[in-house]
Amino acid sequence: MSHKAWMKTVPTENCDVLMTFPDSTDDHTLLWLLNHIRLGIPELIVQVRHHKHTRVYAFFVTATYESLLRGADEIGLRKPVKAEFGGGMRSFSCEEDYIYENIENELYFFTSQERQNIIRYWLENLRAKQGESLHNIHFLEGQPIIPELAARGVIQQVFPLHEQRILKRLMKSWVQAVCEAQPLGMGTRGWRGDKGGVPGLLIVPLMIPTDEICDYFGVKIAMYFAWLGFYTSAMVYPAVFGSILYTFTENDQTSQDICCVVFAVFNVIWATFFLEEWKRRGAEFAYKWGTLDTPAESIEEPRPQFRGIKRISPVTSAEEFYYPPWKRLLFQCMVSLPVCLTCLSLVFLLMLGCFQLQEPHLSPSLSLQEFVLSIQELPRIIRFLPKILLAIIVTACDELYKKIAYWLNDMGAL
């Protein structure tokens, strides 16, 4: 069933991540997974609900504020620091939680995206013990349980839920707003102050970042829309300059050639300024959103689908999963490369076949296109049969190759 059906028919106030199961899922599977989640991740609150019309079960997953704080500490979530403690962004620490902005307010300290990110991290890192199995699925020691069940079809979907209240606000301030800046700057969110010796009385406006896109969708999507808005605004300059050149260009060839050269030079200069300005603007956003000095990938947690043997890291002296590089290289040379070459050859041959049917000069014999054109009684759409056939083949190959690419990526990048 679709994401929208769950979002519209079930209240989502006490849910951050939704996990759905096929309607054929038995009670033993549900209880087995529920027991593993509650024992392996005691921080989570899981509610089991049943959809009356589709007979589909779902786990509604959330966590308490205290548990989310510990999760933020665990994943090193970067949060803004109060001005009196130096300001800026810093990885969250439960031992010094008092230094972070809005730590006292559990409704505003975490954005919905941050809550969901912490919960997804816990769920994807729920790992199996040695010898554990569910029906005919036998888990390796340390293997992530939920990604494996999702790949086997036992779990239908695992996705974060939208918040209708925030979506409606974004619809008004962003989607439906005309000729207004995207919600990526500064603004007023609330009031704070002291009056008459009563602390916390709300009397003065509090100016804090209103990065609604970043707060809701996360840094990656917010950075994309920041670049898209910057690029759209920057395109005004070549558009205006090009329109002026086009207006004053005469019809003779010499004048047109001169204007083309001038416009090309202008584009080179514009592109240079555009790239340099975006580097500056992107660094500002990265600093504001706490991603300017993120840790290198070499010291981040491996992806949940990673499989390997446990060992002590010679670099960090911590326990980690290790997969020999020679096995990865062997798989890439013996499996990935032949499969990719086979797929490319198949697409090339199919494309040549369709072109041969369509173009008569590619074949000495009578082409299908000529044969179809010689029959006047046939509908006109039949004359485009080779092109229609090529479009169908491309669509079918796209779905097939996407599955092959996912499999090769998971197997070849262990």
Protein backbone atom coordinates (compact mmCIF):
# COMPACT_ATOMS: atom_id res chain seq x y z
CA MET A 1 0.00 0.00 0.00
CA SER A 2 1.13 3.52 -0.68
CA HIS A 3 2.82 5.93 1.71
CA LYS A 4 -0.04 8.40 1.35
CA ALA A 5 -2.65 5.89 2.50
CA TRP A 6 -0.94 5.40 5.87
CA MET A 7 -0.23 9.10 6.15
CA LYS A 8 -3.88 10.05 5.58
CA THR A 9 -5.73 7.30 7.46
CA VAL A 10 -3.65 6.86 10.63
CA PRO A 11 -2.81 9.58 13.18
CA THR A 12 0.92 10.32 13.20
CA GLU A 13 1.41 12.41 16.33
CA ASN A 14 3.23 9.63 18.17
CA CYS A 15 5.14 8.13 15.28
CA ASP A 16 8.38 9.04 13.54
CA VAL A 17 9.15 5.97 11.42
CA LEU A 18 6.64 3.52 9.97
CA MET A 19 7.39 -0.10 9.18
CA THR A 20 4.80 -2.01 7.14
CA PHE A 21 4.47 -5.71 6.37
CA PRO A 22 2.78 -7.66 3.57
CA ASP A 23 -0.76 -8.87 4.29
CA SER A 24 0.53 -12.46 4.25
CA THR A 25 2.85 -11.91 7.24
CA ASP A 26 2.18 -14.41 10.05
CA ASP A 27 2.02 -13.63 13.76
CA HIS A 28 5.26 -15.48 14.50
CA THR A 29 7.24 -13.12 12.24
CA LEU A 30 5.69 -10.03 13.80
CA LEU A 31 6.31 -11.23 17.35
CA TRP A 32 9.85 -12.35 16.54
CA LEU A 33 10.81 -8.97 15.11
CA LEU A 34 8.96 -7.02 17.78
CA ASN A 35 10.77 -8.94 20.51
CA HIS A 36 14.16 -8.31 18.88
CA ILE A 37 13.47 -4.59 18.55
CA ARG A 38 12.35 -4.23 22.15
CA LEU A 39 15.27 -6.21 23.51
CA GLY A 40 17.94 -4.89 21.15
CA ILE A 41 16.78 -1.26 21.11
CA PRO A 42 15.07 -0.56 24.44
CA GLU A 43 15.08 3.16 23.64
CA LEU A 44 12.36 2.72 21.02
CA ILE A 45 8.62 2.78 21.59
CA VAL A 46 6.85 0.45 19.17
CA GLN A 47 3.10 0.29 18.65
CA VAL A 48 1.60 -2.49 16.54
CA ARG A 49 -1.41 -1.43 14.49
CA HIS A 50 -3.60 -3.15 11.96
CA HIS A 51 -5.18 -1.51 8.94
CA LYS A 52 -8.79 -2.61 8.87
CA HIS A 53 -9.39 -2.40 5.12
CA THR A 54 -6.12 -3.81 3.74
CA ARG A 55 -5.45 -6.18 6.68
CA VAL A 56 -1.83 -4.97 6.76
CA TYR A 57 0.13 -4.77 10.00
CA ALA A 58 2.52 -1.92 10.77
CA PHE A 59 4.95 -0.91 13.50
CA PHE A 60 4.67 2.72 14.56
CA VAL A 61 8.09 3.60 15.97
CA THR A 62 9.07 6.60 18.08
CA ALA A 63 11.23 7.37 21.13
CA THR A 64 11.22 9.52 24.23
CA TYR A 65 13.12 12.79 24.43
CA GLU A 66 15.70 11.35 26.81
CA SER A 67 16.33 8.42 24.48
CA LEU A 68 16.73 10.74 21.50
CA LEU A 69 19.33 12.73 23.42
CA ARG A 70 21.34 9.57 24.00
CA GLY A 71 20.93 8.68 20.34
CA ALA A 72 22.15 12.11 19.29
CA ASP A 73 25.22 11.56 21.43
CA GLU A 74 25.73 8.13 19.90
CA ILE A 75 25.68 9.29 16.27
CA GLY A 76 27.46 12.57 16.94
CA LEU A 77 24.59 14.79 15.81
CA ARG A 78 25.78 18.38 15.43
CA LYS A 79 23.67 21.01 17.20
CA PRO A 80 24.04 24.78 17.68
CA VAL A 81 25.75 25.94 20.88
CA LYS A 82 24.53 28.85 22.98
CA ALA A 83 26.30 32.16 22.46
CA GLU A 84 27.60 32.29 26.03
CA PHE A 85 29.44 29.01 25.41
CA GLY A 86 31.06 30.10 22.17
CA GLY A 87 28.30 29.58 19.59
CA GLY A 88 28.73 27.63 16.39
CA MET A 89 27.96 23.95 15.85
CA ARG A 90 29.24 21.04 17.88
CA SER A 91 28.60 17.30 18.16
CA PHE A 92 26.02 16.68 20.85
CA SER A 93 27.18 15.34 24.21
CA CYS A 94 24.86 14.29 27.02
CA GLU A 95 27.50 15.24 29.60
CA GLU A 96 27.39 18.87 28.46
CA ASP A 97 23.81 19.10 27.25
CA TYR A 98 23.29 22.46 28.99
CA ILE A 99 25.45 24.28 26.43
CA TYR A 100 23.13 23.64 23.47
CA GLU A 101 20.40 25.95 22.30
CA ASN A 102 16.78 25.01 23.10
CA ILE A 103 17.88 21.96 25.11
CA GLU A 104 15.19 22.82 27.67
CA ASN A 105 12.43 22.61 25.06
CA GLU A 106 11.93 19.08 23.83
CA LEU A 107 9.44 20.22 21.17
CA TYR A 108 11.97 22.40 19.34
CA PHE A 109 15.39 20.93 20.11
CA PHE A 110 15.10 18.13 17.55
CA THR A 111 13.68 18.64 14.09
CA SER A 112 11.49 15.89 12.66
CA GLN A 113 14.30 14.94 10.29
CA GLU A 114 16.76 14.57 13.18
CA ARG A 115 14.34 12.44 15.18
CA GLN A 116 13.76 10.17 12.22
CA ASN A 117 17.47 9.98 11.46
CA ILE A 118 18.26 8.76 14.98
CA ILE A 119 15.49 6.15 14.90
CA ARG A 120 16.47 4.91 11.45
CA TYR A 121 20.07 4.59 12.66
CA TRP A 122 18.95 2.37 15.55
CA LEU A 123 16.71 0.24 13.36
CA GLU A 124 19.29 -0.31 10.63
CA ASN A 125 21.97 -1.26 13.17
CA LEU A 126 19.92 -3.91 14.94
CA ARG A 127 22.23 -6.86 14.35
CA ALA A 128 21.72 -10.58 14.67
CA LYS A 129 23.51 -12.89 17.04
CA GLN A 130 25.24 -16.09 16.02
CA GLY A 131 22.85 -18.81 14.86
CA GLU A 132 19.69 -16.69 14.76
CA SER A 133 17.13 -17.49 12.09
CA LEU A 134 13.58 -16.66 11.07
CA HIS A 135 11.81 -19.38 9.09
CA ASN A 136 14.21 -20.09 6.20
CA ILE A 137 16.29 -16.94 6.73
CA HIS A 138 19.55 -17.65 8.51
CA PHE A 139 21.42 -14.58 9.72
CA LEU A 140 25.17 -14.22 9.94
CA GLU A 141 26.68 -13.03 13.18
CA GLY A 142 26.49 -9.24 13.28
CA GLN A 143 24.31 -9.01 10.17
CA PRO A 144 21.71 -6.18 10.19
CA ILE A 145 18.30 -7.72 10.69
CA ILE A 146 15.90 -5.13 9.30
CA PRO A 147 17.75 -4.41 5.98
CA GLU A 148 17.98 -8.16 5.39
CA LEU A 149 14.26 -8.69 6.07
CA ALA A 150 13.43 -5.77 3.79
CA ALA A 151 15.56 -7.27 1.01
CA ARG A 152 13.81 -10.64 1.46
CA GLY A 153 10.34 -9.06 1.29
CA VAL A 154 9.43 -9.86 4.90
CA ILE A 155 9.28 -6.12 5.62
CA GLN A 156 7.41 -4.21 2.97
CA GLN A 157 8.54 -0.66 3.66
CA VAL A 158 10.43 1.36 6.26
CA PHE A 159 9.99 5.09 5.82
CA PRO A 160 9.68 8.30 7.85
CA LEU A 161 6.26 9.89 8.10
CA HIS A 162 5.44 13.37 6.95
CA GLU A 163 4.01 15.93 9.33
CA GLN A 164 0.99 17.56 7.74
CA ARG A 165 1.28 20.68 9.89
CA ILE A 166 4.81 21.42 8.69
CA LEU A 167 4.01 20.48 5.11
CA LYS A 168 1.13 22.97 5.03
CA ARG A 169 3.40 25.68 6.40
CA LEU A 170 6.03 24.89 3.78
CA MET A 171 3.36 24.91 1.11
CA LYS A 172 2.43 28.50 2.00
CA SER A 173 5.90 29.89 2.69
CA TRP A 174 7.75 28.08 -0.10
CA VAL A 175 5.74 26.35 -2.83
CA GLN A 176 2.91 28.87 -3.15
CA ALA A 177 5.06 31.93 -2.43
CA VAL A 178 5.70 34.01 -5.56
CA CYS A 179 8.84 36.13 -5.94
CA GLU A 180 9.91 35.43 -2.35
CA ALA A 181 13.13 33.97 -1.04
CA GLN A 182 13.22 30.34 0.00
CA PRO A 183 12.95 29.67 3.77
CA LEU A 184 16.70 29.36 4.18
CA GLY A 185 17.52 32.60 6.02
CA MET A 186 16.84 34.35 9.30
CA GLY A 187 13.44 35.02 10.80
CA THR A 188 11.36 35.26 13.96
CA ARG A 189 10.15 32.04 15.53
CA GLY A 190 9.22 32.96 19.07
CA TRP A 191 9.58 35.35 21.99
CA ARG A 192 11.81 35.25 25.02
CA GLY A 193 12.84 37.59 27.82
CA ASP A 194 12.51 38.61 31.45
CA LYS A 195 10.16 41.18 32.93
CA GLY A 196 9.61 42.21 36.51
CA GLY A 197 12.00 39.58 37.81
CA VAL A 198 9.94 36.75 36.29
CA PRO A 199 12.29 34.63 34.20
CA GLY A 200 11.08 33.27 30.90
CA LEU A 201 8.22 35.76 30.39
CA LEU A 202 7.80 36.06 26.63
CA ILE A 203 8.18 39.74 25.80
CA VAL A 204 10.88 40.20 23.13
CA PRO A 205 11.25 38.61 19.70
CA LEU A 206 13.79 35.81 19.40
CA MET A 207 15.70 35.90 16.12
CA ILE A 208 16.86 32.39 15.24
CA PRO A 209 17.39 30.63 11.90
CA THR A 210 14.18 29.66 10.12
CA ASP A 211 15.76 27.06 7.89
CA GLU A 212 12.48 25.24 7.42
CA ILE A 213 13.69 23.25 4.41
CA CYS A 214 16.79 22.04 6.24
CA ASP A 215 14.89 21.33 9.45
CA TYR A 216 12.32 19.19 7.68
CA PHE A 217 14.12 17.53 4.77
CA GLY A 218 17.70 17.52 6.02
CA VAL A 219 20.94 19.16 4.91
CA LYS A 220 21.38 17.32 1.60
CA ILE A 221 18.01 18.30 0.18
CA ALA A 222 18.26 21.81 1.61
CA MET A 223 21.67 22.26 -0.01
CA TYR A 224 20.23 21.13 -3.34
CA PHE A 225 17.41 23.66 -3.22
CA ALA A 226 19.83 26.35 -2.05
CA TRP A 227 21.97 25.69 -5.12
CA LEU A 228 18.90 25.53 -7.37
CA GLY A 229 17.65 28.90 -6.10
CA PHE A 230 21.09 30.45 -6.46
CA TYR A 231 21.47 29.08 -9.99
CA THR A 232 18.03 30.31 -11.03
CA SER A 233 18.78 33.80 -9.74
CA ALA A 234 22.18 33.85 -11.42
CA MET A 235 20.63 32.95 -14.79
CA VAL A 236 18.97 36.36 -14.85
CA TYR A 237 22.24 38.03 -15.92
CA PRO A 238 22.92 36.00 -19.09
CA ALA A 239 19.21 36.10 -19.91
CA VAL A 240 19.06 39.91 -19.75
CA PHE A 241 22.40 40.39 -21.53
CA GLY A 242 21.43 37.89 -24.24
CA SER A 243 18.07 39.60 -24.77
CA ILE A 244 19.78 42.97 -25.18
CA LEU A 245 22.24 41.54 -27.72
CA TYR A 246 19.43 39.87 -29.64
CA THR A 247 17.47 43.14 -29.74
CA PHE A 248 20.31 45.25 -31.14
CA THR A 249 21.77 42.61 -33.46
CA GLU A 250 21.32 43.36 -37.14
CA ASN A 251 20.36 40.81 -39.75
CA ASP A 252 23.72 40.66 -41.51
CA GLN A 253 26.05 37.73 -40.85
CA THR A 254 28.94 39.86 -39.57
CA SER A 255 26.83 41.47 -36.85
CA GLN A 256 25.48 38.09 -35.74
CA ASP A 257 28.96 36.59 -35.57
CA ILE A 258 30.24 39.49 -33.46
CA CYS A 259 27.32 39.19 -31.05
CA CYS A 260 27.90 35.44 -30.72
CA VAL A 261 31.53 36.01 -29.80
CA VAL A 262 30.60 38.74 -27.30
CA PHE A 263 27.95 36.53 -25.71
CA ALA A 264 30.39 33.61 -25.49
CA VAL A 265 32.96 35.80 -23.71
CA PHE A 266 30.28 37.06 -21.36
CA ASN A 267 29.23 33.49 -20.52
CA VAL A 268 32.83 32.54 -19.69
CA ILE A 269 33.15 35.49 -17.31
CA TRP A 270 29.70 34.85 -15.84
CA ALA A 271 30.42 31.15 -15.25
CA THR A 272 33.65 32.03 -13.42
CA PHE A 273 31.90 34.48 -11.10
CA PHE A 274 29.03 32.03 -10.63
CA LEU A 275 31.29 29.20 -9.47
CA GLU A 276 33.31 31.39 -7.14
CA GLU A 277 30.22 32.97 -5.59
CA TRP A 278 28.57 29.57 -5.10
CA LYS A 279 31.68 28.27 -3.33
CA ARG A 280 31.32 31.14 -0.90
CA ARG A 281 27.57 30.75 -0.53
CA GLY A 282 27.80 26.96 -0.18
CA ALA A 283 30.45 27.33 2.54
CA GLU A 284 28.14 29.69 4.43
CA PHE A 285 25.30 27.18 4.32
CA ALA A 286 27.63 24.33 5.29
CA TYR A 287 28.89 26.31 8.28
CA LYS A 288 25.38 27.29 9.34
CA TRP A 289 24.09 23.72 9.03
CA GLY A 290 27.12 22.16 10.73
CA THR A 291 28.49 20.16 7.80
CA LEU A 292 31.60 22.20 7.03
CA ASP A 293 33.88 20.04 9.18
CA THR A 294 32.07 16.71 9.16
CA PRO A 295 34.24 13.64 9.86
CA ALA A 296 35.82 11.77 7.00
CA GLU A 297 34.05 8.72 5.59
CA SER A 298 36.89 6.52 6.82
CA ILE A 299 35.83 6.99 10.44
CA GLU A 300 32.06 6.92 9.89
CA GLU A 301 29.85 3.94 10.62
CA PRO A 302 29.74 1.40 7.76
CA ARG A 303 26.49 0.98 5.91
CA PRO A 304 24.09 -1.52 7.51
CA GLN A 305 24.31 -3.90 4.52
CA PHE A 306 28.06 -4.32 5.01
CA ARG A 307 29.05 -7.90 5.81
CA GLY A 308 32.36 -9.15 7.04
CA ILE A 309 34.26 -10.71 9.89
CA LYS A 310 34.78 -9.00 13.21
CA ARG A 311 38.26 -7.80 14.05
CA ILE A 312 40.08 -5.15 16.07
CA SER A 313 40.84 -2.14 13.91
CA PRO A 314 44.59 -1.46 13.68
CA VAL A 315 43.81 2.27 13.43
CA THR A 316 41.20 2.92 16.13
CA SER A 317 41.66 -0.28 18.20
CA ALA A 318 37.86 -0.65 18.17
CA GLU A 319 35.84 -3.65 17.05
CA GLU A 320 34.82 -3.45 13.40
CA PHE A 321 33.63 -5.55 10.47
CA TYR A 322 36.31 -6.33 7.91
CA TYR A 323 36.04 -7.67 4.37
CA PRO A 324 39.26 -8.63 2.54
CA PRO A 325 39.96 -6.29 -0.40
CA TRP A 326 41.10 -9.17 -2.62
CA LYS A 327 37.65 -10.78 -2.40
CA ARG A 328 36.02 -7.52 -3.44
CA LEU A 329 38.42 -7.12 -6.35
CA LEU A 330 37.86 -10.73 -7.41
CA PHE A 331 34.09 -10.24 -7.49
CA GLN A 332 34.43 -7.03 -9.48
CA CYS A 333 36.67 -8.65 -12.10
CA MET A 334 34.90 -12.01 -12.35
CA VAL A 335 31.27 -10.91 -11.95
CA SER A 336 30.70 -7.15 -12.13
CA LEU A 337 32.77 -6.50 -15.25
CA PRO A 338 31.33 -9.40 -17.34
CA VAL A 339 27.76 -8.55 -16.32
CA CYS A 340 28.21 -4.86 -17.20
CA LEU A 341 29.78 -5.71 -20.59
CA THR A 342 26.97 -8.16 -21.34
CA CYS A 343 24.31 -5.58 -20.52
CA LEU A 344 26.00 -2.94 -22.65
CA SER A 345 26.33 -5.34 -25.58
CA LEU A 346 22.69 -6.34 -25.30
CA VAL A 347 21.51 -2.73 -25.33
CA PHE A 348 23.78 -1.92 -28.29
CA LEU A 349 22.48 -4.86 -30.33
CA LEU A 350 18.85 -4.06 -29.57
CA MET A 351 19.39 -0.42 -30.53
CA LEU A 352 21.02 -1.42 -33.82
CA GLY A 353 18.16 -3.80 -34.55
CA CYS A 354 15.56 -1.09 -34.04
CA PHE A 355 17.51 1.36 -36.19
CA GLN A 356 17.86 -1.26 -38.92
CA LEU A 357 14.11 -1.72 -38.98
CA GLN A 358 13.60 2.02 -39.10
CA GLU A 359 16.29 3.21 -41.56
CA PRO A 360 16.36 1.56 -45.02
CA HIS A 361 19.98 2.52 -45.77
CA LEU A 362 21.23 0.40 -42.87
CA SER A 363 20.15 -2.83 -44.61
CA PRO A 364 20.32 -3.90 -48.25
CA SER A 365 17.04 -5.74 -47.88
CA LEU A 366 13.62 -4.16 -47.55
CA SER A 367 13.24 -2.61 -44.08
CA LEU A 368 10.18 -2.91 -41.91
CA GLN A 369 9.68 0.84 -42.24
CA GLU A 370 9.47 0.59 -46.04
CA PHE A 371 7.15 -2.40 -45.86
CA VAL A 372 4.80 -0.61 -43.50
CA LEU A 373 4.83 2.58 -45.58
CA SER A 374 3.91 0.58 -48.68
CA ILE A 375 0.63 -0.54 -47.08
CA GLN A 376 -1.65 2.47 -47.25
CA GLU A 377 -4.58 0.83 -45.45
CA LEU A 378 -2.74 0.45 -42.13
CA PRO A 379 -3.23 3.10 -39.42
CA ARG A 380 -0.66 5.89 -39.40
CA ILE A 381 0.56 4.96 -35.90
CA ILE A 382 1.76 1.57 -37.19
CA ARG A 383 4.39 3.41 -39.24
CA PHE A 384 6.08 4.41 -35.99
CA LEU A 385 6.32 0.79 -34.81
CA PRO A 386 10.16 0.68 -34.65
CA LYS A 387 10.29 3.81 -32.49
CA ILE A 388 7.57 2.47 -30.20
CA LEU A 389 9.41 -0.84 -29.95
CA LEU A 390 12.64 0.94 -29.02
CA ALA A 391 10.87 2.95 -26.29
CA ILE A 392 9.39 -0.22 -24.79
CA ILE A 393 12.76 -1.99 -24.85
CA VAL A 394 14.50 0.97 -23.16
CA THR A 395 11.87 1.07 -20.39
CA ALA A 396 12.06 -2.68 -19.78
CA CYS A 397 15.86 -2.68 -19.75
CA ASP A 398 15.88 0.26 -17.37
CA GLU A 399 13.90 -1.66 -14.74
CA LEU A 400 15.97 -4.80 -15.21
CA TYR A 401 19.31 -3.02 -15.11
CA LYS A 402 18.32 -1.07 -12.01
CA LYS A 403 17.84 -4.33 -10.10
CA ILE A 404 21.13 -5.66 -11.45
CA ALA A 405 22.90 -2.45 -10.46
CA TYR A 406 21.56 -2.65 -6.89
CA TRP A 407 22.69 -6.25 -6.60
CA LEU A 408 26.14 -5.55 -8.01
CA ASN A 409 26.54 -2.56 -5.73
CA ASP A 410 25.66 -4.56 -2.62
CA MET A 411 27.79 -7.54 -3.57
CA GLY A 412 30.73 -5.72 -5.09
CA ALA A 413 31.05 -3.11 -2.33
CA LEU A 414 30.95 -5.42 0.66
